[in-house]
PDB file of N, CA and C in Angstrom:
ATOM      1  N   UNK A   1     191.723  70.376  79.314  1.00  0.00           N
ATOM      2  CA  UNK A   1     191.046  69.220  78.730  1.00  0.00           C
ATOM      3  C   UNK A   1     189.773  68.946  79.527  1.00  0.00           C
ATOM      4  N   UNK A   2     188.675  68.869  78.815  1.00  0.00           N
ATOM      5  CA  UNK A   2     187.390  68.665  79.462  1.00  0.00           C
ATOM      6  C   UNK A   2     187.075  67.173  79.533  1.00  0.00           C
ATOM      7  N   UNK A   3     186.697  66.715  80.703  1.00  0.00           N
ATOM      8  CA  UNK A   3     186.345  65.309  80.884  1.00  0.00           C
ATOM      9  C   UNK A   3     184.927  65.049  80.383  1.00  0.00           C
ATOM     10  N   UNK A   4     184.700  63.876  79.791  1.00  0.00           N
ATOM     11  CA  UNK A   4     183.333  63.574  79.339  1.00  0.00           C
ATOM     12  C   UNK A   4     182.406  63.357  80.534  1.00  0.00           C
ATOM     13  N   UNK A   5     181.177  63.721  80.350  1.00  0.00           N
ATOM     14  CA  UNK A   5     180.187  63.584  81.417  1.00  0.00           C
ATOM     15  C   UNK A   5     179.413  62.286  81.182  1.00  0.00           C
ATOM     16  N   UNK A   6     179.410  61.448  82.200  1.00  0.00           N
ATOM     17  CA  UNK A   6     178.668  60.193  82.129  1.00  0.00           C
ATOM     18  C   UNK A   6     177.402  60.332  82.961  1.00  0.00           C
ATOM     19  N   UNK A   7     176.299  59.902  82.394  1.00  0.00           N
ATOM     20  CA  UNK A   7     175.048  59.926  83.141  1.00  0.00           C
ATOM     21  C   UNK A   7     174.741  58.521  83.638  1.00  0.00           C
ATOM     22  N   UNK A   8     174.114  58.461  84.767  1.00  0.00           N
ATOM     23  CA  UNK A   8     173.728  57.176  85.332  1.00  0.00           C
ATOM     24  C   UNK A   8     172.540  56.620  84.566  1.00  0.00           C
ATOM     25  N   UNK A   9     172.479  55.288  84.405  1.00  0.00           N
ATOM     26  CA  UNK A   9     171.309  54.713  83.739  1.00  0.00           C
ATOM     27  C   UNK A   9     170.076  54.854  84.621  1.00  0.00           C
ATOM     28  N   UNK A  10     168.928  54.746  84.004  1.00  0.00           N
ATOM     29  CA  UNK A  10     167.687  54.868  84.769  1.00  0.00           C
ATOM     30  C   UNK A  10     167.518  53.676  85.702  1.00  0.00           C
ATOM     31  N   UNK A  11     166.651  53.829  86.661  1.00  0.00           N
ATOM     32  CA  UNK A  11     166.422  52.758  87.632  1.00  0.00           C
ATOM     33  C   UNK A  11     165.849  51.513  86.972  1.00  0.00           C
ATOM     34  N   UNK A  12     164.986  51.696  85.982  1.00  0.00           N
ATOM     35  CA  UNK A  12     164.398  50.537  85.303  1.00  0.00           C
ATOM     36  C   UNK A  12     165.451  49.787  84.491  1.00  0.00           C
ATOM     37  N   UNK A  13     166.422  50.488  83.926  1.00  0.00           N
ATOM     38  CA  UNK A  13     167.492  49.825  83.187  1.00  0.00           C
ATOM     39  C   UNK A  13     168.340  48.982  84.121  1.00  0.00           C
ATOM     40  N   UNK A  14     168.686  49.531  85.265  1.00  0.00           N
ATOM     41  CA  UNK A  14     169.473  48.783  86.254  1.00  0.00           C
ATOM     42  C   UNK A  14     168.682  47.581  86.744  1.00  0.00           C
ATOM     43  N   UNK A  15     167.403  47.779  87.045  1.00  0.00           N
ATOM     44  CA  UNK A  15     166.558  46.674  87.503  1.00  0.00           C
ATOM     45  C   UNK A  15     166.479  45.570  86.457  1.00  0.00           C
ATOM     46  N   UNK A  16     166.296  45.951  85.185  1.00  0.00           N
ATOM     47  CA  UNK A  16     166.210  44.969  84.119  1.00  0.00           C
ATOM     48  C   UNK A  16     167.511  44.184  83.988  1.00  0.00           C
ATOM     49  N   UNK A  17     168.645  44.848  84.057  1.00  0.00           N
ATOM     50  CA  UNK A  17     169.934  44.154  83.941  1.00  0.00           C
ATOM     51  C   UNK A  17     170.165  43.200  85.109  1.00  0.00           C
ATOM     52  N   UNK A  18     169.799  43.615  86.311  1.00  0.00           N
ATOM     53  CA  UNK A  18     169.947  42.732  87.479  1.00  0.00           C
ATOM     54  C   UNK A  18     169.003  41.550  87.359  1.00  0.00           C
ATOM     55  N   UNK A  19     167.763  41.792  86.935  1.00  0.00           N
ATOM     56  CA  UNK A  19     166.800  40.708  86.777  1.00  0.00           C
ATOM     57  C   UNK A  19     167.245  39.727  85.693  1.00  0.00           C
ATOM     58  N   UNK A  20     167.759  40.244  84.588  1.00  0.00           N
ATOM     59  CA  UNK A  20     168.243  39.383  83.511  1.00  0.00           C
ATOM     60  C   UNK A  20     169.438  38.550  83.970  1.00  0.00           C
ATOM     61  N   UNK A  21     170.362  39.156  84.686  1.00  0.00           N
ATOM     62  CA  UNK A  21     171.518  38.420  85.206  1.00  0.00           C
ATOM     63  C   UNK A  21     171.070  37.338  86.179  1.00  0.00           C
ATOM     64  N   UNK A  22     170.147  37.674  87.067  1.00  0.00           N
ATOM     65  CA  UNK A  22     169.632  36.697  88.024  1.00  0.00           C
ATOM     66  C   UNK A  22     168.968  35.525  87.299  1.00  0.00           C
ATOM     67  N   UNK A  23     168.159  35.823  86.279  1.00  0.00           N
ATOM     68  CA  UNK A  23     167.491  34.767  85.528  1.00  0.00           C
ATOM     69  C   UNK A  23     168.502  33.858  84.842  1.00  0.00           C
ATOM     70  N   UNK A  24     169.543  34.449  84.260  1.00  0.00           N
ATOM     71  CA  UNK A  24     170.542  33.643  83.562  1.00  0.00           C
ATOM     72  C   UNK A  24     171.313  32.751  84.530  1.00  0.00           C
ATOM     73  N   UNK A  25     171.629  33.253  85.712  1.00  0.00           N
ATOM     74  CA  UNK A  25     172.358  32.447  86.688  1.00  0.00           C
ATOM     75  C   UNK A  25     171.463  31.351  87.247  1.00  0.00           C
ATOM     76  N   UNK A  26     170.226  31.690  87.586  1.00  0.00           N
ATOM     77  CA  UNK A  26     169.312  30.714  88.164  1.00  0.00           C
ATOM     78  C   UNK A  26     168.954  29.630  87.152  1.00  0.00           C
ATOM     79  N   UNK A  27     168.817  29.977  85.895  1.00  0.00           N
ATOM     80  CA  UNK A  27     168.438  28.993  84.893  1.00  0.00           C
ATOM     81  C   UNK A  27     169.640  28.211  84.362  1.00  0.00           C
ATOM     82  N   UNK A  28     170.790  28.386  84.963  1.00  0.00           N
ATOM     83  CA  UNK A  28     172.018  27.673  84.611  1.00  0.00           C
ATOM     84  C   UNK A  28     172.484  27.938  83.185  1.00  0.00           C
ATOM     85  N   UNK A  29     172.030  29.027  82.584  1.00  0.00           N
ATOM     86  CA  UNK A  29     172.500  29.371  81.249  1.00  0.00           C
ATOM     87  C   UNK A  29     173.989  29.690  81.281  1.00  0.00           C
ATOM     88  N   UNK A  30     174.406  30.437  82.298  1.00  0.00           N
ATOM     89  CA  UNK A  30     175.827  30.768  82.426  1.00  0.00           C
ATOM     90  C   UNK A  30     176.628  29.494  82.669  1.00  0.00           C
ATOM     91  N   UNK A  31     176.114  28.589  83.501  1.00  0.00           N
ATOM     92  CA  UNK A  31     176.796  27.330  83.773  1.00  0.00           C
ATOM     93  C   UNK A  31     176.932  26.497  82.501  1.00  0.00           C
ATOM     94  N   UNK A  32     175.876  26.425  81.698  1.00  0.00           N
ATOM     95  CA  UNK A  32     175.927  25.659  80.456  1.00  0.00           C
ATOM     96  C   UNK A  32     176.960  26.224  79.494  1.00  0.00           C
ATOM     97  N   UNK A  33     177.040  27.530  79.392  1.00  0.00           N
ATOM     98  CA  UNK A  33     177.976  28.149  78.461  1.00  0.00           C
ATOM     99  C   UNK A  33     179.413  27.938  78.921  1.00  0.00           C
ATOM    100  N   UNK A  34     179.673  27.997  80.230  1.00  0.00           N
ATOM    101  CA  UNK A  34     181.041  27.868  80.737  1.00  0.00           C
ATOM    102  C   UNK A  34     181.492  26.416  80.748  1.00  0.00           C
ATOM    103  N   UNK A  35     180.685  25.512  81.264  1.00  0.00           N
ATOM    104  CA  UNK A  35     181.109  24.130  81.485  1.00  0.00           C
ATOM    105  C   UNK A  35     180.918  23.260  80.248  1.00  0.00           C
ATOM    106  N   UNK A  36     179.789  23.363  79.622  1.00  0.00           N
ATOM    107  CA  UNK A  36     179.469  22.488  78.501  1.00  0.00           C
ATOM    108  C   UNK A  36     179.767  23.206  77.188  1.00  0.00           C
ATOM    109  N   UNK A  37     179.968  22.459  76.135  1.00  0.00           N
ATOM    110  CA  UNK A  37     180.009  23.129  74.837  1.00  0.00           C
ATOM    111  C   UNK A  37     178.628  23.686  74.532  1.00  0.00           C
ATOM    112  N   UNK A  38     178.511  24.416  73.469  1.00  0.00           N
ATOM    113  CA  UNK A  38     177.225  25.035  73.155  1.00  0.00           C
ATOM    114  C   UNK A  38     176.125  23.985  73.169  1.00  0.00           C
ATOM    115  N   UNK A  39     175.370  23.983  74.235  1.00  0.00           N
ATOM    116  CA  UNK A  39     174.336  22.977  74.414  1.00  0.00           C
ATOM    117  C   UNK A  39     173.086  23.311  73.644  1.00  0.00           C
ATOM    118  N   UNK A  40     172.136  22.415  73.724  1.00  0.00           N
ATOM    119  CA  UNK A  40     170.886  22.593  72.994  1.00  0.00           C
ATOM    120  C   UNK A  40     170.107  23.773  73.557  1.00  0.00           C
ATOM    121  N   UNK A  41     170.159  23.973  74.885  1.00  0.00           N
ATOM    122  CA  UNK A  41     169.451  25.103  75.480  1.00  0.00           C
ATOM    123  C   UNK A  41     169.951  26.430  74.947  1.00  0.00           C
ATOM    124  N   UNK A  42     171.261  26.538  74.793  1.00  0.00           N
ATOM    125  CA  UNK A  42     171.821  27.786  74.269  1.00  0.00           C
ATOM    126  C   UNK A  42     171.440  27.977  72.809  1.00  0.00           C
ATOM    127  N   UNK A  43     171.346  26.889  72.060  1.00  0.00           N
ATOM    128  CA  UNK A  43     170.950  26.999  70.657  1.00  0.00           C
ATOM    129  C   UNK A  43     169.496  27.453  70.541  1.00  0.00           C
ATOM    130  N   UNK A  44     168.638  27.026  71.488  1.00  0.00           N
ATOM    131  CA  UNK A  44     167.256  27.491  71.490  1.00  0.00           C
ATOM    132  C   UNK A  44     167.196  28.991  71.754  1.00  0.00           C
ATOM    133  N   UNK A  45     168.068  29.476  72.631  1.00  0.00           N
ATOM    134  CA  UNK A  45     168.102  30.918  72.917  1.00  0.00           C
ATOM    135  C   UNK A  45     168.508  31.678  71.660  1.00  0.00           C
ATOM    136  N   UNK A  46     169.527  31.181  70.949  1.00  0.00           N
ATOM    137  CA  UNK A  46     169.954  31.844  69.723  1.00  0.00           C
ATOM    138  C   UNK A  46     168.856  31.819  68.673  1.00  0.00           C
ATOM    139  N   UNK A  47     168.129  30.710  68.599  1.00  0.00           N
ATOM    140  CA  UNK A  47     167.034  30.594  67.646  1.00  0.00           C
ATOM    141  C   UNK A  47     165.932  31.603  67.971  1.00  0.00           C
ATOM    142  N   UNK A  48     165.607  31.737  69.248  1.00  0.00           N
ATOM    143  CA  UNK A  48     164.571  32.685  69.651  1.00  0.00           C
ATOM    144  C   UNK A  48     164.983  34.115  69.355  1.00  0.00           C
ATOM    145  N   UNK A  49     166.236  34.441  69.577  1.00  0.00           N
ATOM    146  CA  UNK A  49     166.715  35.791  69.275  1.00  0.00           C
ATOM    147  C   UNK A  49     166.626  36.050  67.773  1.00  0.00           C
ATOM    148  N   UNK A  50     166.936  35.051  66.959  1.00  0.00           N
ATOM    149  CA  UNK A  50     166.833  35.205  65.512  1.00  0.00           C
ATOM    150  C   UNK A  50     165.415  35.459  65.061  1.00  0.00           C
ATOM    151  N   UNK A  51     164.461  34.759  65.672  1.00  0.00           N
ATOM    152  CA  UNK A  51     163.051  34.960  65.319  1.00  0.00           C
ATOM    153  C   UNK A  51     162.599  36.364  65.711  1.00  0.00           C
ATOM    154  N   UNK A  52     163.047  36.843  66.872  1.00  0.00           N
ATOM    155  CA  UNK A  52     162.693  38.193  67.300  1.00  0.00           C
ATOM    156  C   UNK A  52     163.267  39.225  66.341  1.00  0.00           C
ATOM    157  N   UNK A  53     164.526  39.042  65.922  1.00  0.00           N
ATOM    158  CA  UNK A  53     165.141  39.992  64.990  1.00  0.00           C
ATOM    159  C   UNK A  53     164.438  39.988  63.638  1.00  0.00           C
ATOM    160  N   UNK A  54     164.039  38.807  63.170  1.00  0.00           N
ATOM    161  CA  UNK A  54     163.304  38.761  61.911  1.00  0.00           C
ATOM    162  C   UNK A  54     161.946  39.438  62.038  1.00  0.00           C
ATOM    163  N   UNK A  55     161.315  39.305  63.198  1.00  0.00           N
ATOM    164  CA  UNK A  55     160.047  39.986  63.414  1.00  0.00           C
ATOM    165  C   UNK A  55     160.238  41.499  63.431  1.00  0.00           C
ATOM    166  N   UNK A  56     161.317  41.965  64.042  1.00  0.00           N
ATOM    167  CA  UNK A  56     161.597  43.405  64.054  1.00  0.00           C
ATOM    168  C   UNK A  56     161.902  43.927  62.650  1.00  0.00           C
ATOM    169  N   UNK A  57     162.454  43.071  61.796  1.00  0.00           N
ATOM    170  CA  UNK A  57     162.780  43.499  60.432  1.00  0.00           C
ATOM    171  C   UNK A  57     161.523  43.747  59.603  1.00  0.00           C
ATOM    172  N   UNK A  58     160.389  43.221  60.018  1.00  0.00           N
ATOM    173  CA  UNK A  58     159.148  43.408  59.271  1.00  0.00           C
ATOM    174  C   UNK A  58     158.408  44.683  59.660  1.00  0.00           C
ATOM    175  N   UNK A  59     158.920  45.417  60.633  1.00  0.00           N
ATOM    176  CA  UNK A  59     158.271  46.651  61.075  1.00  0.00           C
ATOM    177  C   UNK A  59     158.356  47.709  59.979  1.00  0.00           C
ATOM    178  N   UNK A  60     157.223  48.271  59.613  1.00  0.00           N
ATOM    179  CA  UNK A  60     157.172  49.245  58.516  1.00  0.00           C
ATOM    180  C   UNK A  60     157.707  50.617  58.916  1.00  0.00           C
ATOM    181  N   UNK A  61     157.815  50.894  60.212  1.00  0.00           N
ATOM    182  CA  UNK A  61     158.241  52.211  60.673  1.00  0.00           C
ATOM    183  C   UNK A  61     159.761  52.339  60.813  1.00  0.00           C
ATOM    184  N   UNK A  62     160.511  51.308  60.523  1.00  0.00           N
ATOM    185  CA  UNK A  62     161.967  51.364  60.665  1.00  0.00           C
ATOM    186  C   UNK A  62     162.611  51.743  59.336  1.00  0.00           C
ATOM    187  N   UNK A  63     163.804  52.316  59.431  1.00  0.00           N
ATOM    188  CA  UNK A  63     164.552  52.663  58.227  1.00  0.00           C
ATOM    189  C   UNK A  63     165.000  51.393  57.512  1.00  0.00           C
ATOM    190  N   UNK A  64     165.227  51.501  56.210  1.00  0.00           N
ATOM    191  CA  UNK A  64     165.550  50.317  55.411  1.00  0.00           C
ATOM    192  C   UNK A  64     166.871  49.684  55.844  1.00  0.00           C
ATOM    193  N   UNK A  65     167.885  50.496  56.158  1.00  0.00           N
ATOM    194  CA  UNK A  65     169.163  49.909  56.562  1.00  0.00           C
ATOM    195  C   UNK A  65     169.058  49.179  57.900  1.00  0.00           C
ATOM    196  N   UNK A  66     168.187  49.656  58.801  1.00  0.00           N
ATOM    197  CA  UNK A  66     167.977  48.961  60.074  1.00  0.00           C
ATOM    198  C   UNK A  66     167.260  47.642  59.832  1.00  0.00           C
ATOM    199  N   UNK A  67     166.265  47.659  58.942  1.00  0.00           N
ATOM    200  CA  UNK A  67     165.537  46.428  58.628  1.00  0.00           C
ATOM    201  C   UNK A  67     166.451  45.386  57.993  1.00  0.00           C
ATOM    202  N   UNK A  68     167.350  45.836  57.118  1.00  0.00           N
ATOM    203  CA  UNK A  68     168.279  44.906  56.474  1.00  0.00           C
ATOM    204  C   UNK A  68     169.253  44.328  57.501  1.00  0.00           C
ATOM    205  N   UNK A  69     169.723  45.157  58.434  1.00  0.00           N
ATOM    206  CA  UNK A  69     170.643  44.632  59.436  1.00  0.00           C
ATOM    207  C   UNK A  69     169.957  43.644  60.362  1.00  0.00           C
ATOM    208  N   UNK A  70     168.699  43.918  60.744  1.00  0.00           N
ATOM    209  CA  UNK A  70     167.940  42.966  61.559  1.00  0.00           C
ATOM    210  C   UNK A  70     167.743  41.649  60.800  1.00  0.00           C
ATOM    211  N   UNK A  71     167.367  41.748  59.544  1.00  0.00           N
ATOM    212  CA  UNK A  71     167.096  40.538  58.753  1.00  0.00           C
ATOM    213  C   UNK A  71     168.366  39.724  58.559  1.00  0.00           C
ATOM    214  N   UNK A  72     169.488  40.376  58.295  1.00  0.00           N
ATOM    215  CA  UNK A  72     170.720  39.618  58.063  1.00  0.00           C
ATOM    216  C   UNK A  72     171.260  39.027  59.358  1.00  0.00           C
ATOM    217  N   UNK A  73     171.045  39.696  60.478  1.00  0.00           N
ATOM    218  CA  UNK A  73     171.488  39.154  61.758  1.00  0.00           C
ATOM    219  C   UNK A  73     170.589  38.028  62.224  1.00  0.00           C
ATOM    220  N   UNK A  74     169.309  38.112  61.937  1.00  0.00           N
ATOM    221  CA  UNK A  74     168.360  37.112  62.396  1.00  0.00           C
ATOM    222  C   UNK A  74     168.376  35.807  61.615  1.00  0.00           C
ATOM    223  N   UNK A  75     169.026  35.791  60.451  1.00  0.00           N
ATOM    224  CA  UNK A  75     169.038  34.572  59.650  1.00  0.00           C
ATOM    225  C   UNK A  75     169.910  33.520  60.223  1.00  0.00           C
TER     226      UNK A  75
END
């Protein structure tokens, strides 16, 4: 039985994930999600993600099924 080969992520991917985690902890986003019910700050984050997904759905170079999934997720 052959074991699957896992490759390490690139250095920029690791850096981005650490930076994102640090930002979320420092900005108390994690604290708001754990302690408080879905607060207004978290709703703003969801709203911003929806706007980004809708913007990605307007890209002419993407396949139609990808555009539809972005548009339906961003609504």
